[in-house]
């Protein structure tokens, strides 16, 4: 069988009928036009083997995650997905890998009506870079800079499971097989909260997606908004889905390790956002409308800085950190 070349690879695994971009994937540039009264929201994320994912990950799950992390950025802005580009570096042409990767990638793209409109392929270390395009009504985007003292602090879905799975891979924690598989699924196939982000437009005062850990990403809001916050660490711990399934194993992990997973874990791709106290019913309704659980985990304060407290309200210090690509 003849070796598959670059353009054959694209045609076989990534070429699709054009339905939003008039050019599809076959020209030097893609053309996109947002609807009248809308602004484009654009985000880029790169996934590097050994840094963002393990070499043993199922390629279909990797394809899903590669797009999911970008859709999560759109969700944090309240934007509706439109299209994306894919830049893919491969050490060699592996048709089995490509079939799985493209299947996972394009299934999630179809679920969000997000069209693949271009990109690039080359030989090199496995590296996936996606740029995603969305649209949001002019002036309605959720930003990091709108939090106000007195706002409630909310988070969507579950926290900490991805970090729990990572620690199991590293051998620092031992988990029952079913708990590990559930946590691993959260790490490898996160759910971008696109519907919730759009439902929160006009309700939330700020938002960010949790990619590098709750503390680190929340601090982006605090810095941009020039406010502080009180964060209930143990309310965050209660959102670790795998913890509920660990039965008698939970005590063997220890509260401090659970807190590390929930506060510092990263790879959750949930939304942390703020909203006025008066908007609590509206936030809960947005969660119901988007079929997404939302939980209050703190409050915005005027004094700068992040105070992390336990269930009793006592300060537990600043020993929790967040993921940094260069540390």
Protein backbone atom coordinates (compact mmCIF):
# COMPACT_ATOMS: atom_id res chain seq x y z
CA UNK A 1 0.00 0.00 0.00
CA UNK A 2 1.34 3.44 -0.93
CA UNK A 3 2.24 5.78 1.90
CA UNK A 4 -0.42 8.36 2.65
CA UNK A 5 0.70 11.90 1.75
CA UNK A 6 -0.24 15.14 3.49
CA UNK A 7 -3.12 16.10 1.22
CA UNK A 8 -4.42 12.54 1.00
CA UNK A 9 -4.39 12.46 4.81
CA UNK A 10 -6.45 15.65 4.98
CA UNK A 11 -8.88 14.47 2.32
CA UNK A 12 -9.42 11.09 3.98
CA UNK A 13 -9.77 12.11 7.60
CA UNK A 14 -10.63 15.81 7.80
CA UNK A 15 -12.29 17.01 4.56
CA UNK A 16 -15.99 17.75 5.08
CA UNK A 17 -18.79 19.41 3.10
CA UNK A 18 -18.85 23.17 3.61
CA UNK A 19 -22.02 24.49 5.23
CA UNK A 20 -20.99 27.64 7.07
CA UNK A 21 -17.70 28.66 5.41
CA UNK A 22 -18.24 29.13 1.66
CA UNK A 23 -14.76 27.72 0.93
CA UNK A 24 -14.70 24.70 3.25
CA UNK A 25 -11.15 23.47 3.88
CA UNK A 26 -9.78 23.73 0.35
CA UNK A 27 -8.31 27.22 0.03
CA UNK A 28 -5.54 29.35 1.50
CA UNK A 29 -7.90 31.03 3.98
CA UNK A 30 -11.31 30.30 5.43
CA UNK A 31 -14.00 32.95 5.14
CA UNK A 32 -16.38 33.53 8.03
CA UNK A 33 -19.02 36.21 8.50
CA UNK A 34 -20.70 36.63 11.89
CA UNK A 35 -24.38 37.48 11.85
CA UNK A 36 -25.45 41.12 12.05
CA UNK A 37 -24.97 42.56 15.53
CA UNK A 38 -22.56 39.81 16.56
CA UNK A 39 -18.87 39.86 17.44
CA UNK A 40 -16.37 37.08 16.70
CA UNK A 41 -14.87 35.28 19.71
CA UNK A 42 -11.56 33.58 18.89
CA UNK A 43 -9.39 31.29 21.02
CA UNK A 44 -6.38 29.02 20.45
CA UNK A 45 -5.16 26.07 22.53
CA UNK A 46 -2.27 23.70 21.98
CA UNK A 47 -1.98 20.14 23.29
CA UNK A 48 1.53 18.66 23.42
CA UNK A 49 2.20 14.95 24.03
CA UNK A 50 3.86 14.41 27.38
CA UNK A 51 2.77 17.80 28.65
CA UNK A 52 -1.00 17.82 28.17
CA UNK A 53 -1.78 14.17 27.48
CA UNK A 54 -0.24 10.73 27.88
CA UNK A 55 1.00 8.73 24.91
CA UNK A 56 -1.39 5.93 25.90
CA UNK A 57 -4.58 8.00 25.58
CA UNK A 58 -7.23 6.64 23.24
CA UNK A 59 -7.01 8.73 20.04
CA UNK A 60 -10.79 9.23 19.86
CA UNK A 61 -10.73 10.68 23.38
CA UNK A 62 -7.79 12.86 22.43
CA UNK A 63 -9.67 14.19 19.40
CA UNK A 64 -12.61 15.02 21.66
CA UNK A 65 -10.45 16.77 24.22
CA UNK A 66 -8.49 18.75 21.64
CA UNK A 67 -11.66 20.52 20.56
CA UNK A 68 -13.35 20.49 23.98
CA UNK A 69 -10.67 22.65 25.59
CA UNK A 70 -11.23 25.29 22.91
CA UNK A 71 -15.01 25.14 23.12
CA UNK A 72 -14.60 25.65 26.86
CA UNK A 73 -12.98 29.02 26.15
CA UNK A 74 -15.99 30.00 24.03
CA UNK A 75 -18.26 28.87 26.87
CA UNK A 76 -16.42 31.15 29.30
CA UNK A 77 -17.24 34.10 27.02
CA UNK A 78 -20.85 33.05 26.45
CA UNK A 79 -20.14 32.53 22.75
CA UNK A 80 -21.85 30.18 20.30
CA UNK A 81 -19.39 27.98 18.35
CA UNK A 82 -19.08 28.56 14.61
CA UNK A 83 -15.93 26.97 13.21
CA UNK A 84 -12.38 25.85 13.96
CA UNK A 85 -9.02 25.22 12.34
CA UNK A 86 -6.67 22.34 13.12
CA UNK A 87 -2.86 22.36 12.98
CA UNK A 88 -1.54 18.85 13.49
CA UNK A 89 2.07 17.70 13.83
CA UNK A 90 2.55 13.92 13.56
CA UNK A 91 5.71 11.83 13.96
CA UNK A 92 4.40 9.48 11.25
CA UNK A 93 1.18 8.68 9.40
CA UNK A 94 -0.72 6.17 11.52
CA UNK A 95 -4.06 5.56 9.85
CA UNK A 96 -5.57 3.75 12.84
CA UNK A 97 -4.65 6.67 15.10
CA UNK A 98 -5.96 9.20 12.57
CA UNK A 99 -9.26 7.38 12.20
CA UNK A 100 -9.85 7.43 15.96
CA UNK A 101 -8.64 10.97 16.45
CA UNK A 102 -10.77 12.40 13.64
CA UNK A 103 -13.81 10.43 14.83
CA UNK A 104 -13.64 11.88 18.34
CA UNK A 105 -12.82 15.37 17.08
CA UNK A 106 -15.59 15.55 14.50
CA UNK A 107 -18.24 13.94 16.71
CA UNK A 108 -17.84 16.77 19.22
CA UNK A 109 -17.70 19.32 16.38
CA UNK A 110 -21.00 18.01 15.02
CA UNK A 111 -22.58 18.07 18.50
CA UNK A 112 -21.85 21.81 18.67
CA UNK A 113 -22.42 22.62 14.97
CA UNK A 114 -18.80 23.78 14.80
CA UNK A 115 -17.32 23.44 11.31
CA UNK A 116 -13.73 22.48 10.48
CA UNK A 117 -12.67 25.16 7.99
CA UNK A 118 -8.90 24.73 7.56
CA UNK A 119 -5.53 24.13 9.15
CA UNK A 120 -2.20 22.47 8.49
CA UNK A 121 -0.40 19.13 8.89
CA UNK A 122 3.31 18.43 9.16
CA UNK A 123 5.81 15.83 10.41
CA UNK A 124 7.16 16.33 13.92
CA UNK A 125 6.46 15.53 17.58
CA UNK A 126 2.76 14.93 18.27
CA UNK A 127 1.27 18.37 18.75
CA UNK A 128 -2.33 19.51 18.25
CA UNK A 129 -3.24 23.17 17.91
CA UNK A 130 -6.84 24.28 17.38
CA UNK A 131 -8.18 27.77 16.84
CA UNK A 132 -11.90 28.08 17.42
CA UNK A 133 -14.28 30.83 16.28
CA UNK A 134 -17.59 31.73 17.90
CA UNK A 135 -20.06 34.57 17.91
CA UNK A 136 -21.63 36.56 20.70
CA UNK A 137 -24.00 39.56 20.62
CA UNK A 138 -22.02 42.80 20.59
CA UNK A 139 -21.31 43.92 24.14
CA UNK A 140 -22.73 40.73 25.69
CA UNK A 141 -19.57 38.62 26.04
CA UNK A 142 -18.77 37.32 29.51
CA UNK A 143 -15.42 38.73 30.62
CA UNK A 144 -13.04 38.21 33.52
CA UNK A 145 -13.25 41.84 34.56
CA UNK A 146 -16.83 42.34 35.78
CA UNK A 147 -16.91 40.79 39.27
CA UNK A 148 -18.22 43.10 42.02
CA UNK A 149 -17.94 42.93 45.82
CA UNK A 150 -20.93 41.04 47.16
CA UNK A 151 -21.29 38.82 44.08
CA UNK A 152 -21.73 35.12 44.64
CA UNK A 153 -18.97 32.82 43.37
CA UNK A 154 -20.25 29.82 41.41
CA UNK A 155 -18.80 26.82 39.64
CA UNK A 156 -20.37 24.41 37.17
CA UNK A 157 -20.33 20.63 37.25
CA UNK A 158 -17.62 18.68 39.03
CA UNK A 159 -14.07 19.54 40.09
CA UNK A 160 -10.89 17.62 40.80
CA UNK A 161 -11.53 14.32 39.05
CA UNK A 162 -8.95 14.93 36.34
CA UNK A 163 -6.28 15.60 38.96
CA UNK A 164 -7.37 12.49 40.84
CA UNK A 165 -6.87 10.39 37.70
CA UNK A 166 -3.48 12.00 37.08
CA UNK A 167 -2.30 11.14 40.58
CA UNK A 168 -3.44 7.55 40.04
CA UNK A 169 -1.43 7.43 36.80
CA UNK A 170 1.57 8.79 38.70
CA UNK A 171 1.16 6.12 41.36
CA UNK A 172 0.72 8.58 44.24
CA UNK A 173 -2.87 7.43 44.89
CA UNK A 174 -4.55 4.03 44.68
CA UNK A 175 -8.16 4.03 43.50
CA UNK A 176 -10.77 1.32 42.99
CA UNK A 177 -10.94 0.41 39.29
CA UNK A 178 -14.41 1.87 38.71
CA UNK A 179 -13.51 5.12 40.48
CA UNK A 180 -10.32 5.43 38.46
CA UNK A 181 -12.14 4.84 35.16
CA UNK A 182 -14.75 7.48 36.00
CA UNK A 183 -12.06 10.00 36.94
CA UNK A 184 -10.04 9.12 33.85
CA UNK A 185 -13.07 9.76 31.64
CA UNK A 186 -13.41 13.21 33.18
CA UNK A 187 -9.74 13.89 32.45
CA UNK A 188 -9.78 12.61 28.87
CA UNK A 189 -13.27 13.64 27.71
CA UNK A 190 -14.24 16.89 29.45
CA UNK A 191 -17.64 18.46 28.74
CA UNK A 192 -17.40 22.05 27.45
CA UNK A 193 -20.15 24.09 29.14
CA UNK A 194 -21.20 25.95 26.00
CA UNK A 195 -24.94 25.94 26.69
CA UNK A 196 -24.40 27.22 30.24
CA UNK A 197 -22.11 30.01 29.04
CA UNK A 198 -24.74 31.26 26.61
CA UNK A 199 -27.47 30.95 29.25
CA UNK A 200 -25.41 33.10 31.65
CA UNK A 201 -25.22 36.08 29.28
CA UNK A 202 -26.82 39.04 31.04
CA UNK A 203 -26.72 37.20 34.39
CA UNK A 204 -23.07 36.49 35.26
CA UNK A 205 -20.80 39.45 35.94
CA UNK A 206 -17.60 37.55 35.08
CA UNK A 207 -16.49 34.10 34.02
CA UNK A 208 -13.45 31.97 33.19
CA UNK A 209 -13.02 28.30 32.40
CA UNK A 210 -11.14 26.07 34.84
CA UNK A 211 -8.24 24.71 32.82
CA UNK A 212 -5.20 25.22 35.09
CA UNK A 213 -6.94 24.75 38.43
CA UNK A 214 -9.72 26.53 40.31
CA UNK A 215 -7.41 28.77 42.33
CA UNK A 216 -5.28 29.89 39.40
CA UNK A 217 -8.21 30.58 37.10
CA UNK A 218 -10.26 32.29 39.79
CA UNK A 219 -7.28 34.57 40.41
CA UNK A 220 -7.56 35.70 36.76
CA UNK A 221 -11.03 37.03 37.59
CA UNK A 222 -9.84 38.64 40.81
CA UNK A 223 -6.94 40.37 39.09
CA UNK A 224 -8.95 41.60 36.12
CA UNK A 225 -11.82 42.77 38.34
CA UNK A 226 -9.57 44.22 41.07
CA UNK A 227 -11.42 42.42 43.83
CA UNK A 228 -10.83 39.61 46.30
CA UNK A 229 -12.79 36.50 47.22
CA UNK A 230 -13.65 34.09 49.99
CA UNK A 231 -13.52 30.51 48.68
CA UNK A 232 -15.03 27.57 50.58
CA UNK A 233 -12.49 24.81 49.97
CA UNK A 234 -14.66 22.05 51.38
CA UNK A 235 -17.65 23.03 49.24
CA UNK A 236 -15.30 22.58 46.28
CA UNK A 237 -14.19 19.18 47.59
CA UNK A 238 -17.83 18.04 47.66
CA UNK A 239 -17.87 18.55 43.87
CA UNK A 240 -15.31 15.80 43.19
CA UNK A 241 -17.57 13.24 41.53
CA UNK A 242 -15.21 10.31 42.11
CA UNK A 243 -15.17 11.00 45.84
CA UNK A 244 -18.81 9.95 46.15
CA UNK A 245 -18.00 6.65 44.46
CA UNK A 246 -14.95 5.88 46.55
CA UNK A 247 -17.01 4.49 49.48
CA UNK A 248 -14.67 3.56 52.30
CA UNK A 249 -11.61 4.55 50.30
CA UNK A 250 -12.19 8.32 50.74
CA UNK A 251 -10.58 8.51 54.18
CA UNK A 252 -7.44 6.80 52.86
CA UNK A 253 -6.80 9.69 50.49
CA UNK A 254 -7.14 12.37 53.15
CA UNK A 255 -8.84 15.75 53.15
CA UNK A 256 -5.74 17.70 52.17
CA UNK A 257 -5.29 15.56 49.04
CA UNK A 258 -8.95 15.99 48.15
CA UNK A 259 -8.56 19.75 48.57
CA UNK A 260 -5.51 19.72 46.30
CA UNK A 261 -7.50 17.92 43.60
CA UNK A 262 -10.42 20.33 43.81
CA UNK A 263 -8.47 23.58 44.18
CA UNK A 264 -5.28 22.96 42.20
CA UNK A 265 -6.15 20.15 39.83
CA UNK A 266 -6.64 21.62 36.40
CA UNK A 267 -8.15 19.95 33.32
CA UNK A 268 -11.68 20.32 34.73
CA UNK A 269 -12.96 22.63 31.97
CA UNK A 270 -15.82 23.80 34.13
CA UNK A 271 -16.88 27.43 34.41
CA UNK A 272 -16.19 29.50 37.50
CA UNK A 273 -18.27 32.66 37.42
CA UNK A 274 -19.75 35.42 39.52
CA UNK A 275 -23.25 36.84 39.73
CA UNK A 276 -25.14 39.20 42.06
CA UNK A 277 -26.86 37.64 45.05
CA UNK A 278 -30.17 38.84 43.60
CA UNK A 279 -29.53 36.68 40.53
CA UNK A 280 -29.38 33.35 42.38
CA UNK A 281 -32.68 32.11 40.96
CA UNK A 282 -31.63 33.19 37.46
CA UNK A 283 -28.31 31.31 37.80
CA UNK A 284 -30.09 28.16 38.96
CA UNK A 285 -32.51 28.46 36.04
CA UNK A 286 -29.57 28.86 33.62
CA UNK A 287 -28.18 25.64 35.06
CA UNK A 288 -31.48 23.84 34.55
CA UNK A 289 -31.89 25.23 31.04
CA UNK A 290 -28.41 23.94 30.10
CA UNK A 291 -28.73 20.67 32.06
CA UNK A 292 -25.66 21.64 34.10
CA UNK A 293 -25.27 21.61 37.86
CA UNK A 294 -24.15 24.91 39.37
CA UNK A 295 -22.92 25.36 42.95
CA UNK A 296 -22.10 28.41 45.07
CA UNK A 297 -18.61 28.07 46.53
CA UNK A 298 -17.83 31.54 47.84
CA UNK A 299 -18.28 35.27 47.60
CA UNK A 300 -16.49 38.22 46.05
CA UNK A 301 -14.99 40.72 48.50
CA UNK A 302 -13.67 44.26 48.13
CA UNK A 303 -10.34 43.55 49.82
CA UNK A 304 -7.78 42.17 47.32
CA UNK A 305 -6.58 38.59 47.59
CA UNK A 306 -8.07 35.14 47.84
CA UNK A 307 -9.07 33.77 51.26
CA UNK A 308 -9.45 30.00 51.31
CA UNK A 309 -11.55 28.76 54.21
CA UNK A 310 -12.78 25.39 55.47
CA UNK A 311 -16.36 24.35 56.17
CA UNK A 312 -16.23 26.12 59.52
CA UNK A 313 -15.04 29.39 58.00
CA UNK A 314 -11.47 29.14 59.29
CA UNK A 315 -8.68 30.31 57.00
CA UNK A 316 -6.61 27.35 55.80
CA UNK A 317 -3.85 29.42 54.22
CA UNK A 318 -2.34 29.76 50.76
CA UNK A 319 -0.53 26.43 50.40
CA UNK A 320 -2.53 25.45 47.30
CA UNK A 321 -1.13 26.41 43.93
CA UNK A 322 -2.11 26.02 40.29
CA UNK A 323 -0.69 24.53 37.10
CA UNK A 324 1.99 26.52 35.27
CA UNK A 325 3.36 25.37 31.90
CA UNK A 326 6.86 26.63 32.75
CA UNK A 327 7.22 25.29 36.29
